[in-house]
Amino acid sequence: AAINIGVNVGMLPAKGMTLPLISYGGSSILAMGFTAGLLL
């Protein structure tokens, strides 16, 4: 999340990284949901 937001506000170079659970993307949102489930 910090990398994505940093890119959006110009603090980091573009990296093509999604914002967890918010950005569009099947692989990203499914994998992040799995990560959240493991953390819970």
PDB file of all heavy atoms in Angstrom:
ATOM      1  N   ALA A   1       0.839  -1.212   0.000  1.00  0.00           N
ATOM      2  CA  ALA A   1       0.000   0.000   0.000  1.00  0.00           C
ATOM      3  C   ALA A   1       0.866   1.250   0.000  1.00  0.00           C
ATOM      4  O   ALA A   1       0.579   2.218  -0.731  1.00  0.00           O
ATOM      5  CB  ALA A   1      -0.926  -0.005   1.211  1.00  0.00           C
ATOM      6  N   ALA A   2       1.929   1.240   0.788  1.00  0.00           N
ATOM      7  CA  ALA A   2       2.807   2.413   0.862  1.00  0.00           C
ATOM      8  C   ALA A   2       3.490   2.675  -0.476  1.00  0.00           C
ATOM      9  O   ALA A   2       3.621   3.830  -0.901  1.00  0.00           O
ATOM     10  CB  ALA A   2       3.857   2.205   1.954  1.00  0.00           C
ATOM     11  N   ILE A   3       3.908   1.605  -1.157  1.00  0.00           N
ATOM     12  CA  ILE A   3       4.551   1.774  -2.463  1.00  0.00           C
ATOM     13  C   ILE A   3       3.564   2.343  -3.471  1.00  0.00           C
ATOM     14  O   ILE A   3       3.874   3.281  -4.217  1.00  0.00           O
ATOM     15  CB  ILE A   3       5.128   0.431  -2.947  1.00  0.00           C
ATOM     16  CG1 ILE A   3       6.316   0.014  -2.064  1.00  0.00           C
ATOM     17  CG2 ILE A   3       5.569   0.529  -4.405  1.00  0.00           C
ATOM     18  CD1 ILE A   3       6.841  -1.375  -2.366  1.00  0.00           C
ATOM     19  N   ASN A   4       2.358   1.786  -3.514  1.00  0.00           N
ATOM     20  CA  ASN A   4       1.356   2.265  -4.467  1.00  0.00           C
ATOM     21  C   ASN A   4       1.016   3.735  -4.222  1.00  0.00           C
ATOM     22  O   ASN A   4       0.987   4.548  -5.161  1.00  0.00           O
ATOM     23  CB  ASN A   4       0.094   1.411  -4.377  1.00  0.00           C
ATOM     24  CG  ASN A   4      -1.013   1.903  -5.284  1.00  0.00           C
ATOM     25  OD1 ASN A   4      -1.787   2.791  -4.924  1.00  0.00           O
ATOM     26  ND2 ASN A   4      -1.086   1.354  -6.479  1.00  0.00           N
ATOM     27  N   ILE A   5       0.761   4.091  -2.969  1.00  0.00           N
ATOM     28  CA  ILE A   5       0.409   5.473  -2.650  1.00  0.00           C
ATOM     29  C   ILE A   5       1.597   6.391  -2.910  1.00  0.00           C
ATOM     30  O   ILE A   5       1.440   7.515  -3.410  1.00  0.00           O
ATOM     31  CB  ILE A   5      -0.071   5.581  -1.191  1.00  0.00           C
ATOM     32  CG1 ILE A   5      -1.383   4.804  -1.028  1.00  0.00           C
ATOM     33  CG2 ILE A   5      -0.272   7.035  -0.789  1.00  0.00           C
ATOM     34  CD1 ILE A   5      -1.863   4.682   0.405  1.00  0.00           C
ATOM     35  N   GLY A   6       2.807   5.925  -2.593  1.00  0.00           N
ATOM     36  CA  GLY A   6       4.002   6.720  -2.860  1.00  0.00           C
ATOM     37  C   GLY A   6       4.175   7.030  -4.334  1.00  0.00           C
ATOM     38  O   GLY A   6       4.572   8.150  -4.704  1.00  0.00           O
ATOM     39  N   VAL A   7       3.866   6.062  -5.195  1.00  0.00           N
ATOM     40  CA  VAL A   7       3.934   6.295  -6.640  1.00  0.00           C
ATOM     41  C   VAL A   7       2.877   7.303  -7.062  1.00  0.00           C
ATOM     42  O   VAL A   7       3.137   8.213  -7.854  1.00  0.00           O
ATOM     43  CB  VAL A   7       3.743   4.964  -7.406  1.00  0.00           C
ATOM     44  CG1 VAL A   7       3.559   5.222  -8.903  1.00  0.00           C
ATOM     45  CG2 VAL A   7       4.938   4.040  -7.174  1.00  0.00           C
ATOM     46  N   ASN A   8       1.663   7.164  -6.520  1.00  0.00           N
ATOM     47  CA  ASN A   8       0.567   8.057  -6.897  1.00  0.00           C
ATOM     48  C   ASN A   8       0.837   9.507  -6.528  1.00  0.00           C
ATOM     49  O   ASN A   8       0.430  10.416  -7.254  1.00  0.00           O
ATOM     50  CB  ASN A   8      -0.736   7.597  -6.241  1.00  0.00           C
ATOM     51  CG  ASN A   8      -1.466   6.535  -7.035  1.00  0.00           C
ATOM     52  OD1 ASN A   8      -2.507   6.781  -7.629  1.00  0.00           O
ATOM     53  ND2 ASN A   8      -0.909   5.334  -7.065  1.00  0.00           N
ATOM     54  N   VAL A   9       1.515   9.733  -5.410  1.00  0.00           N
ATOM     55  CA  VAL A   9       1.768  11.111  -4.978  1.00  0.00           C
ATOM     56  C   VAL A   9       3.139  11.607  -5.427  1.00  0.00           C
ATOM     57  O   VAL A   9       3.554  12.710  -5.062  1.00  0.00           O
ATOM     58  CB  VAL A   9       1.635  11.237  -3.445  1.00  0.00           C
ATOM     59  CG1 VAL A   9       0.241  10.857  -2.993  1.00  0.00           C
ATOM     60  CG2 VAL A   9       2.688  10.391  -2.723  1.00  0.00           C
ATOM     61  N   GLY A  10       3.854  10.810  -6.232  1.00  0.00           N
ATOM     62  CA  GLY A  10       5.118  11.243  -6.803  1.00  0.00           C
ATOM     63  C   GLY A  10       6.323  11.091  -5.911  1.00  0.00           C
ATOM     64  O   GLY A  10       7.384  11.650  -6.203  1.00  0.00           O
ATOM     65  N   MET A  11       6.224  10.303  -4.835  1.00  0.00           N
ATOM     66  CA  MET A  11       7.346  10.120  -3.923  1.00  0.00           C
ATOM     67  C   MET A  11       8.226   8.930  -4.313  1.00  0.00           C
ATOM     68  O   MET A  11       9.338   8.786  -3.794  1.00  0.00           O
ATOM     69  CB  MET A  11       6.844   9.943  -2.488  1.00  0.00           C
ATOM     70  CG  MET A  11       6.144  11.154  -1.921  1.00  0.00           C
ATOM     71  SD  MET A  11       5.541  10.889  -0.233  1.00  0.00           S
ATOM     72  CE  MET A  11       7.075  10.631   0.641  1.00  0.00           C
ATOM     73  N   LEU A  12       7.715   8.057  -5.195  1.00  0.00           N
ATOM     74  CA  LEU A  12       8.458   6.875  -5.627  1.00  0.00           C
ATOM     75  C   LEU A  12       8.328   6.732  -7.137  1.00  0.00           C
ATOM     76  O   LEU A  12       7.312   7.163  -7.719  1.00  0.00           O
ATOM     77  CB  LEU A  12       7.919   5.613  -4.942  1.00  0.00           C
ATOM     78  CG  LEU A  12       8.119   5.489  -3.421  1.00  0.00           C
ATOM     79  CD1 LEU A  12       7.352   4.281  -2.890  1.00  0.00           C
ATOM     80  CD2 LEU A  12       9.591   5.383  -3.077  1.00  0.00           C
ATOM     81  N   PRO A  13       9.302   6.106  -7.789  1.00  0.00           N
ATOM     82  CA  PRO A  13       9.160   5.847  -9.232  1.00  0.00           C
ATOM     83  C   PRO A  13       8.078   4.813  -9.491  1.00  0.00           C
ATOM     84  O   PRO A  13       7.800   3.964  -8.637  1.00  0.00           O
ATOM     85  CB  PRO A  13      10.549   5.314  -9.623  1.00  0.00           C
ATOM     86  CG  PRO A  13      11.147   4.806  -8.363  1.00  0.00           C
ATOM     87  CD  PRO A  13      10.615   5.677  -7.264  1.00  0.00           C
ATOM     88  N   ALA A  14       7.449   4.890 -10.656  1.00  0.00           N
ATOM     89  CA  ALA A  14       6.355   3.975 -11.005  1.00  0.00           C
ATOM     90  C   ALA A  14       6.839   2.535 -10.981  1.00  0.00           C
ATOM     91  O   ALA A  14       7.907   2.214 -11.494  1.00  0.00           O
ATOM     92  CB  ALA A  14       5.804   4.338 -12.379  1.00  0.00           C
ATOM     93  N   LYS A  15       6.003   1.647 -10.372  1.00  0.00           N
ATOM     94  CA  LYS A  15       6.395   0.243 -10.241  1.00  0.00           C
ATOM     95  C   LYS A  15       5.330  -0.716 -10.729  1.00  0.00           C
ATOM     96  O   LYS A  15       5.531  -1.922 -10.730  1.00  0.00           O
ATOM     97  CB  LYS A  15       6.711  -0.076  -8.770  1.00  0.00           C
ATOM     98  CG  LYS A  15       8.033   0.520  -8.285  1.00  0.00           C
ATOM     99  CD  LYS A  15       8.323   0.090  -6.853  1.00  0.00           C
ATOM    100  CE  LYS A  15       9.700   0.565  -6.407  1.00  0.00           C
ATOM    101  NZ  LYS A  15       9.820   2.018  -6.396  1.00  0.00           N
ATOM    102  N   GLY A  16       4.152  -0.237 -11.092  1.00  0.00           N
ATOM    103  CA  GLY A  16       3.107  -1.135 -11.550  1.00  0.00           C
ATOM    104  C   GLY A  16       2.575  -2.021 -10.446  1.00  0.00           C
ATOM    105  O   GLY A  16       2.319  -3.209 -10.663  1.00  0.00           O
ATOM    106  N   MET A  17       2.384  -1.475  -9.248  1.00  0.00           N
ATOM    107  CA  MET A  17       1.918  -2.245  -8.098  1.00  0.00           C
ATOM    108  C   MET A  17       0.542  -1.756  -7.681  1.00  0.00           C
ATOM    109  O   MET A  17       0.286  -0.557  -7.628  1.00  0.00           O
ATOM    110  CB  MET A  17       2.911  -2.119  -6.946  1.00  0.00           C
ATOM    111  CG  MET A  17       2.721  -3.141  -5.852  1.00  0.00           C
ATOM    112  SD  MET A  17       4.128  -3.171  -4.724  1.00  0.00           S
ATOM    113  CE  MET A  17       5.387  -3.879  -5.792  1.00  0.00           C
ATOM    114  N   THR A  18      -0.352  -2.687  -7.361  1.00  0.00           N
ATOM    115  CA  THR A  18      -1.734  -2.342  -7.060  1.00  0.00           C
ATOM    116  C   THR A  18      -1.904  -1.922  -5.603  1.00  0.00           C
ATOM    117  O   THR A  18      -1.063  -2.208  -4.748  1.00  0.00           O
ATOM    118  CB  THR A  18      -2.655  -3.539  -7.338  1.00  0.00           C
ATOM    119  OG1 THR A  18      -2.201  -4.671  -6.568  1.00  0.00           O
ATOM    120  CG2 THR A  18      -2.649  -3.888  -8.810  1.00  0.00           C
ATOM    121  N   LEU A  19      -3.017  -1.252  -5.323  1.00  0.00           N
ATOM    122  CA  LEU A  19      -3.388  -0.874  -3.964  1.00  0.00           C
ATOM    123  C   LEU A  19      -4.240  -2.003  -3.384  1.00  0.00           C
ATOM    124  O   LEU A  19      -5.315  -2.307  -3.914  1.00  0.00           O
ATOM    125  CB  LEU A  19      -4.166   0.440  -3.974  1.00  0.00           C
ATOM    126  CG  LEU A  19      -4.496   1.062  -2.623  1.00  0.00           C
ATOM    127  CD1 LEU A  19      -3.232   1.353  -1.830  1.00  0.00           C
ATOM    128  CD2 LEU A  19      -5.304   2.347  -2.810  1.00  0.00           C
ATOM    129  N   PRO A  20      -3.794  -2.665  -2.318  1.00  0.00           N
ATOM    130  CA  PRO A  20      -4.469  -3.860  -1.806  1.00  0.00           C
ATOM    131  C   PRO A  20      -5.958  -3.680  -1.574  1.00  0.00           C
ATOM    132  O   PRO A  20      -6.389  -2.723  -0.924  1.00  0.00           O
ATOM    133  CB  PRO A  20      -3.730  -4.139  -0.493  1.00  0.00           C
ATOM    134  CG  PRO A  20      -2.359  -3.589  -0.709  1.00  0.00           C
ATOM    135  CD  PRO A  20      -2.568  -2.353  -1.544  1.00  0.00           C
ATOM    136  N   LEU A  21      -6.738  -4.624  -2.132  1.00  0.00           N
ATOM    137  CA  LEU A  21      -8.187  -4.721  -1.973  1.00  0.00           C
ATOM    138  C   LEU A  21      -8.965  -3.560  -2.595  1.00  0.00           C
ATOM    139  O   LEU A  21     -10.198  -3.532  -2.507  1.00  0.00           O
ATOM    140  CB  LEU A  21      -8.571  -4.847  -0.495  1.00  0.00           C
ATOM    141  CG  LEU A  21      -8.097  -6.122   0.211  1.00  0.00           C
ATOM    142  CD1 LEU A  21      -8.436  -6.073   1.692  1.00  0.00           C
ATOM    143  CD2 LEU A  21      -8.693  -7.359  -0.437  1.00  0.00           C
ATOM    144  N   ILE A  22      -8.285  -2.626  -3.233  1.00  0.00           N
ATOM    145  CA  ILE A  22      -8.969  -1.489  -3.843  1.00  0.00           C
ATOM    146  C   ILE A  22      -8.781  -1.484  -5.355  1.00  0.00           C
ATOM    147  O   ILE A  22      -9.735  -1.290  -6.109  1.00  0.00           O
ATOM    148  CB  ILE A  22      -8.479  -0.163  -3.233  1.00  0.00           C
ATOM    149  CG1 ILE A  22      -8.929  -0.072  -1.764  1.00  0.00           C
ATOM    150  CG2 ILE A  22      -8.999   1.034  -4.020  1.00  0.00           C
ATOM    151  CD1 ILE A  22      -8.557   1.211  -1.071  1.00  0.00           C
ATOM    152  N   SER A  23      -7.568  -1.714  -5.813  1.00  0.00           N
ATOM    153  CA  SER A  23      -7.301  -1.706  -7.254  1.00  0.00           C
ATOM    154  C   SER A  23      -8.004  -2.855  -7.954  1.00  0.00           C
ATOM    155  O   SER A  23      -8.239  -3.922  -7.381  1.00  0.00           O
ATOM    156  CB  SER A  23      -5.795  -1.827  -7.512  1.00  0.00           C
ATOM    157  OG  SER A  23      -5.099  -0.699  -7.057  1.00  0.00           O
ATOM    158  N   TYR A  24      -8.326  -2.627  -9.220  1.00  0.00           N
ATOM    159  CA  TYR A  24      -8.865  -3.689 -10.073  1.00  0.00           C
ATOM    160  C   TYR A  24      -7.753  -4.683 -10.392  1.00  0.00           C
ATOM    161  O   TYR A  24      -6.603  -4.306 -10.588  1.00  0.00           O
ATOM    162  CB  TYR A  24      -9.416  -3.102 -11.366  1.00  0.00           C
ATOM    163  CG  TYR A  24      -9.760  -4.147 -12.415  1.00  0.00           C
ATOM    164  CD1 TYR A  24     -10.982  -4.802 -12.376  1.00  0.00           C
ATOM    165  CD2 TYR A  24      -8.847  -4.474 -13.402  1.00  0.00           C
ATOM    166  CE1 TYR A  24     -11.295  -5.760 -13.327  1.00  0.00           C
ATOM    167  CE2 TYR A  24      -9.154  -5.426 -14.352  1.00  0.00           C
ATOM    168  CZ  TYR A  24     -10.375  -6.072 -14.313  1.00  0.00           C
ATOM    169  OH  TYR A  24     -10.675  -7.029 -15.246  1.00  0.00           O
ATOM    170  N   GLY A  25      -8.120  -5.954 -10.457  1.00  0.00           N
ATOM    171  CA  GLY A  25      -7.150  -6.986 -10.820  1.00  0.00           C
ATOM    172  C   GLY A  25      -7.480  -8.288 -10.118  1.00  0.00           C
ATOM    173  O   GLY A  25      -7.461  -8.345  -8.876  1.00  0.00           O
ATOM    174  N   GLY A  26      -7.801  -9.326 -10.877  1.00  0.00           N
ATOM    175  CA  GLY A  26      -8.199 -10.593 -10.282  1.00  0.00           C
ATOM    176  C   GLY A  26      -7.127 -11.205  -9.416  1.00  0.00           C
ATOM    177  O   GLY A  26      -7.367 -11.571  -8.259  1.00  0.00           O
ATOM    178  N   SER A  27      -5.926 -11.338  -9.950  1.00  0.00           N
ATOM    179  CA  SER A  27      -4.840 -11.959  -9.191  1.00  0.00           C
ATOM    180  C   SER A  27      -4.539 -11.157  -7.933  1.00  0.00           C
ATOM    181  O   SER A  27      -4.345 -11.720  -6.845  1.00  0.00           O
ATOM    182  CB  SER A  27      -3.575 -12.049 -10.053  1.00  0.00           C
ATOM    183  OG  SER A  27      -3.776 -12.897 -11.157  1.00  0.00           O
ATOM    184  N   SER A  28      -4.515  -9.849  -8.058  1.00  0.00           N
ATOM    185  CA  SER A  28      -4.171  -8.993  -6.923  1.00  0.00           C
ATOM    186  C   SER A  28      -5.190  -9.106  -5.809  1.00  0.00           C
ATOM    187  O   SER A  28      -4.835  -9.335  -4.641  1.00  0.00           O
ATOM    188  CB  SER A  28      -4.066  -7.537  -7.392  1.00  0.00           C
ATOM    189  OG  SER A  28      -3.891  -6.673  -6.289  1.00  0.00           O
ATOM    190  N   ILE A  29      -6.475  -8.975  -6.135  1.00  0.00           N
ATOM    191  CA  ILE A  29      -7.485  -8.948  -5.080  1.00  0.00           C
ATOM    192  C   ILE A  29      -7.684 -10.334  -4.476  1.00  0.00           C
ATOM    193  O   ILE A  29      -7.866 -10.479  -3.256  1.00  0.00           O
ATOM    194  CB  ILE A  29      -8.813  -8.367  -5.615  1.00  0.00           C
ATOM    195  CG1 ILE A  29      -9.758  -8.074  -4.443  1.00  0.00           C
ATOM    196  CG2 ILE A  29      -9.482  -9.297  -6.615  1.00  0.00           C
ATOM    197  CD1 ILE A  29     -10.992  -7.303  -4.851  1.00  0.00           C
ATOM    198  N   LEU A  30      -7.615 -11.396  -5.290  1.00  0.00           N
ATOM    199  CA  LEU A  30      -7.761 -12.753  -4.758  1.00  0.00           C
ATOM    200  C   LEU A  30      -6.588 -13.103  -3.844  1.00  0.00           C
ATOM    201  O   LEU A  30      -6.777 -13.653  -2.755  1.00  0.00           O
ATOM    202  CB  LEU A  30      -7.861 -13.763  -5.904  1.00  0.00           C
ATOM    203  CG  LEU A  30      -9.166 -13.753  -6.701  1.00  0.00           C
ATOM    204  CD1 LEU A  30      -9.032 -14.603  -7.958  1.00  0.00           C
ATOM    205  CD2 LEU A  30     -10.313 -14.271  -5.845  1.00  0.00           C
ATOM    206  N   ALA A  31      -5.369 -12.793  -4.278  1.00  0.00           N
ATOM    207  CA  ALA A  31      -4.192 -13.092  -3.461  1.00  0.00           C
ATOM    208  C   ALA A  31      -4.182 -12.259  -2.184  1.00  0.00           C
ATOM    209  O   ALA A  31      -3.798 -12.753  -1.114  1.00  0.00           O
ATOM    210  CB  ALA A  31      -2.924 -12.842  -4.270  1.00  0.00           C
ATOM    211  N   MET A  32      -4.615 -11.002  -2.277  1.00  0.00           N
ATOM    212  CA  MET A  32      -4.641 -10.169  -1.084  1.00  0.00           C
ATOM    213  C   MET A  32      -5.722 -10.643  -0.115  1.00  0.00           C
ATOM    214  O   MET A  32      -5.546 -10.578   1.116  1.00  0.00           O
ATOM    215  CB  MET A  32      -4.871  -8.704  -1.465  1.00  0.00           C
ATOM    216  CG  MET A  32      -4.577  -7.722  -0.361  1.00  0.00           C
ATOM    217  SD  MET A  32      -2.939  -7.900   0.412  1.00  0.00           S
ATOM    218  CE  MET A  32      -1.870  -7.521  -0.982  1.00  0.00           C
ATOM    219  N   GLY A  33      -6.843 -11.142  -0.643  1.00  0.00           N
ATOM    220  CA  GLY A  33      -7.857 -11.726   0.220  1.00  0.00           C
ATOM    221  C   GLY A  33      -7.339 -12.961   0.942  1.00  0.00           C
ATOM    222  O   GLY A  33      -7.622 -13.180   2.128  1.00  0.00           O
ATOM    223  N   PHE A  34      -6.559 -13.775   0.234  1.00  0.00           N
ATOM    224  CA  PHE A  34      -5.939 -14.951   0.842  1.00  0.00           C
ATOM    225  C   PHE A  34      -4.958 -14.526   1.936  1.00  0.00           C
ATOM    226  O   PHE A  34      -4.913 -15.121   3.017  1.00  0.00           O
ATOM    227  CB  PHE A  34      -5.233 -15.776  -0.236  1.00  0.00           C
ATOM    228  CG  PHE A  34      -4.601 -17.045   0.266  1.00  0.00           C
ATOM    229  CD1 PHE A  34      -5.348 -17.986   0.959  1.00  0.00           C
ATOM    230  CD2 PHE A  34      -3.264 -17.305   0.028  1.00  0.00           C
ATOM    231  CE1 PHE A  34      -4.773 -19.158   1.427  1.00  0.00           C
ATOM    232  CE2 PHE A  34      -2.677 -18.469   0.471  1.00  0.00           C
ATOM    233  CZ  PHE A  34      -3.425 -19.404   1.179  1.00  0.00           C
ATOM    234  N   THR A  35      -4.191 -13.482   1.666  1.00  0.00           N
ATOM    235  CA  THR A  35      -3.256 -12.949   2.658  1.00  0.00           C
ATOM    236  C   THR A  35      -4.008 -12.455   3.893  1.00  0.00           C
ATOM    237  O   THR A  35      -3.596 -12.711   5.038  1.00  0.00           O
ATOM    238  CB  THR A  35      -2.444 -11.794   2.053  1.00  0.00           C
ATOM    239  OG1 THR A  35      -1.766 -12.254   0.887  1.00  0.00           O
ATOM    240  CG2 THR A  35      -1.431 -11.248   3.044  1.00  0.00           C
ATOM    241  N   ALA A  36      -5.122 -11.753   3.675  1.00  0.00           N
ATOM    242  CA  ALA A  36      -5.930 -11.270   4.796  1.00  0.00           C
ATOM    243  C   ALA A  36      -6.488 -12.433   5.598  1.00  0.00           C
ATOM    244  O   ALA A  36      -6.516 -12.396   6.837  1.00  0.00           O
ATOM    245  CB  ALA A  36      -7.062 -10.390   4.271  1.00  0.00           C
ATOM    246  N   GLY A  37      -6.937 -13.482   4.917  1.00  0.00           N
ATOM    247  CA  GLY A  37      -7.455 -14.653   5.613  1.00  0.00           C
ATOM    248  C   GLY A  37      -6.410 -15.313   6.485  1.00  0.00           C
ATOM    249  O   GLY A  37      -6.683 -15.704   7.634  1.00  0.00           O
ATOM    250  N   LEU A  38      -5.188 -15.441   5.970  1.00  0.00           N
ATOM    251  CA  LEU A  38      -4.100 -16.017   6.766  1.00  0.00           C
ATOM    252  C   LEU A  38      -3.787 -15.153   7.983  1.00  0.00           C
ATOM    253  O   LEU A  38      -3.541 -15.670   9.085  1.00  0.00           O
ATOM    254  CB  LEU A  38      -2.845 -16.170   5.893  1.00  0.00           C
ATOM    255  CG  LEU A  38      -2.919 -17.200   4.767  1.00  0.00           C
ATOM    256  CD1 LEU A  38      -1.652 -17.136   3.915  1.00  0.00           C
ATOM    257  CD2 LEU A  38      -3.109 -18.612   5.320  1.00  0.00           C
ATOM    258  N   LEU A  39      -3.804 -13.829   7.802  1.00  0.00           N
ATOM    259  CA  LEU A  39      -3.524 -12.934   8.922  1.00  0.00           C
ATOM    260  C   LEU A  39      -4.615 -13.047   9.988  1.00  0.00           C
ATOM    261  O   LEU A  39      -4.327 -13.034  11.195  1.00  0.00           O
ATOM    262  CB  LEU A  39      -3.413 -11.494   8.421  1.00  0.00           C
ATOM    263  CG  LEU A  39      -3.026 -10.440   9.464  1.00  0.00           C
ATOM    264  CD1 LEU A  39      -1.696 -10.791  10.120  1.00  0.00           C
ATOM    265  CD2 LEU A  39      -2.949  -9.062   8.821  1.00  0.00           C
ATOM    266  N   LEU A  40      -5.872 -13.185   9.562  1.00  0.00           N
ATOM    267  CA  LEU A  40      -6.967 -13.344  10.520  1.00  0.00           C
ATOM    268  C   LEU A  40      -6.842 -14.657  11.292  1.00  0.00           C
ATOM    269  O   LEU A  40      -7.144 -14.715  12.489  1.00  0.00           O
ATOM    270  CB  LEU A  40      -8.312 -13.283   9.790  1.00  0.00           C
ATOM    271  CG  LEU A  40      -8.705 -11.909   9.247  1.00  0.00           C
ATOM    272  CD1 LEU A  40      -9.959 -12.016   8.388  1.00  0.00           C
ATOM    273  CD2 LEU A  40      -8.936 -10.914  10.386  1.00  0.00           C
TER     274      LEU A  40
END
